[in-house]
Structures are given as structure tokens and as C-alpha cells.
Amino acid sequence: MQISIQYVKMPHSETMTEYTIGKLQKLSKKYEWLISANVHFKTGQEATGVNKVCEIELSAPGPRIFATSKEKNFEMAVKETISDLERQLKKRKAVFTPHS
């Protein structure tokens, strides 16, 4: 799976990049039909401190799969976003699986 990570109006983080790639590679081993992932990290405008945003769009057969989450740090945001994506991928896999 091809992975593209962008940091929007913030400094690049090698640690976050490695963490995210690791999580996405686990996902791609489980769902081999994934083609690519576009990841965007950005900081929201929230004053509450819950302003770290992670958006991930997966390219796979059929419609694209998208999830986003806003947490107090980027690690939690990545974890929550991947969890949402996995839920959607399970549904997509059920559609691919022939019923007998």
C-alpha cells in the first residue's frame, strides 16, 4: 500500500510519521486489497485543547473510505481514526465475501 502523509501548517514529525506508517501497514496486511492511504495532520481552532486532527482517506476497490478524528494528541487521533477505518473495512470485506 502506498502511504502519503502531509502536515498542514505545522512542522514535520518523523516520530508521528513512523507511528502512522506502522499502524497503516498492520491494516494493509489484514486487508490486502487496499491501494493507498492519504493522511493529513493539522491543528484545529478549538480552545478546549482537543484540537489535534487526523484525517485518513483509503483508496480501495469501490468508493473511497474516509475517517477523521479530533483528540488532545496526534497519537490518540491516529488510533481513533484507524479504529473508524477498520470498522468501515470490515463492512466492505463482508460485501466482497461470497455468501454460500
Protein backbone atom coordinates (compact mmCIF):
# COMPACT_ATOMS: atom_id res chain seq x y z
CA MET A 1 0.00 0.00 0.00
CA GLN A 2 1.26 3.45 -0.91
CA ILE A 3 1.18 5.92 2.02
CA SER A 4 1.25 9.71 1.71
CA ILE A 5 1.49 11.82 4.89
CA GLN A 6 1.04 15.60 4.96
CA TYR A 7 1.42 18.04 7.83
CA VAL A 8 -0.82 21.06 7.24
CA LYS A 9 0.62 24.34 8.58
CA MET A 10 2.74 22.56 11.18
CA PRO A 11 6.26 21.10 11.45
CA HIS A 12 7.01 17.61 10.10
CA SER A 13 7.36 14.89 12.78
CA GLU A 14 9.44 11.81 11.96
CA THR A 15 8.11 10.01 15.07
CA MET A 16 4.46 10.60 14.07
CA THR A 17 5.24 9.52 10.52
CA GLU A 18 6.76 6.21 11.69
CA TYR A 19 3.91 5.60 14.15
CA THR A 20 1.27 6.21 11.48
CA ILE A 21 3.03 4.10 8.85
CA GLY A 22 3.29 1.22 11.35
CA LYS A 23 -0.44 1.37 12.10
CA LEU A 24 -1.36 1.57 8.41
CA GLN A 25 0.93 -1.33 7.48
CA LYS A 26 -0.85 -3.53 10.04
CA LEU A 27 -4.13 -2.54 8.40
CA SER A 28 -2.81 -3.31 4.90
CA LYS A 29 -1.67 -6.79 5.99
CA LYS A 30 -5.18 -7.52 7.25
CA TYR A 31 -6.87 -6.05 4.15
CA GLU A 32 -4.54 -6.80 1.24
CA TRP A 33 -6.80 -5.11 -1.31
CA LEU A 34 -6.03 -1.59 -0.03
CA ILE A 35 -4.34 0.53 -2.69
CA SER A 36 -3.21 3.73 -0.96
CA ALA A 37 -3.66 5.96 2.08
CA ASN A 38 -3.61 9.76 2.27
CA VAL A 39 -3.02 11.08 5.80
CA HIS A 40 -3.39 14.71 6.87
CA PHE A 41 -2.36 16.07 10.26
CA LYS A 42 -3.48 19.52 11.31
CA THR A 43 -4.28 21.58 14.37
CA GLY A 44 -7.86 22.72 14.83
CA GLN A 45 -9.08 26.01 16.26
CA GLU A 46 -10.56 24.54 19.47
CA ALA A 47 -9.71 26.39 22.71
CA THR A 48 -10.53 23.28 24.79
CA GLY A 49 -7.20 21.58 24.00
CA VAL A 50 -8.87 18.86 21.90
CA ASN A 51 -7.51 20.28 18.67
CA LYS A 52 -5.23 17.67 17.07
CA VAL A 53 -6.88 16.44 13.87
CA CYS A 54 -6.00 13.33 11.87
CA GLU A 55 -7.75 12.62 8.56
CA ILE A 56 -7.12 9.40 6.63
CA GLU A 57 -8.55 8.53 3.22
CA LEU A 58 -8.07 5.00 1.93
CA SER A 59 -8.23 4.05 -1.71
CA ALA A 60 -9.70 0.59 -2.24
CA PRO A 61 -12.00 -1.15 -4.72
CA GLY A 62 -15.34 0.66 -4.65
CA PRO A 63 -15.94 4.05 -3.01
CA ARG A 64 -13.09 5.64 -1.09
CA ILE A 65 -13.07 5.14 2.67
CA PHE A 66 -12.58 8.23 4.85
CA ALA A 67 -12.32 8.85 8.59
CA THR A 68 -11.29 11.78 10.75
CA SER A 69 -10.92 12.34 14.46
CA LYS A 70 -10.05 15.18 16.80
CA GLU A 71 -8.21 14.37 20.04
CA LYS A 72 -5.88 16.02 22.55
CA ASN A 73 -2.77 14.49 20.91
CA PHE A 74 -1.94 13.11 17.48
CA GLU A 75 -1.27 9.53 18.67
CA MET A 76 -4.81 9.27 20.06
CA ALA A 77 -6.19 10.86 16.88
CA VAL A 78 -4.39 8.30 14.67
CA LYS A 79 -5.58 5.41 16.86
CA GLU A 80 -9.21 6.60 16.78
CA THR A 81 -9.15 7.28 13.02
CA ILE A 82 -7.69 3.82 12.26
CA SER A 83 -10.34 2.27 14.52
CA ASP A 84 -13.07 4.02 12.49
CA LEU A 85 -11.46 2.89 9.23
CA GLU A 86 -11.26 -0.71 10.43
CA ARG A 87 -14.99 -0.68 11.18
CA GLN A 88 -15.69 0.51 7.62
CA LEU A 89 -13.24 -2.03 6.15
CA LYS A 90 -14.97 -4.92 7.95
CA LYS A 91 -18.26 -3.87 6.34
CA ARG A 92 -16.57 -3.60 2.92
CA LYS A 93 -14.94 -7.03 3.34
CA ALA A 94 -18.35 -8.56 4.14
CA VAL A 95 -19.60 -7.23 0.79
CA PHE A 96 -16.63 -8.83 -1.02
CA THR A 97 -17.03 -12.21 0.69
CA PRO A 98 -19.30 -14.55 -1.30
CA HIS A 99 -22.23 -15.84 0.70
CA SER A 100 -22.82 -19.56 0.49
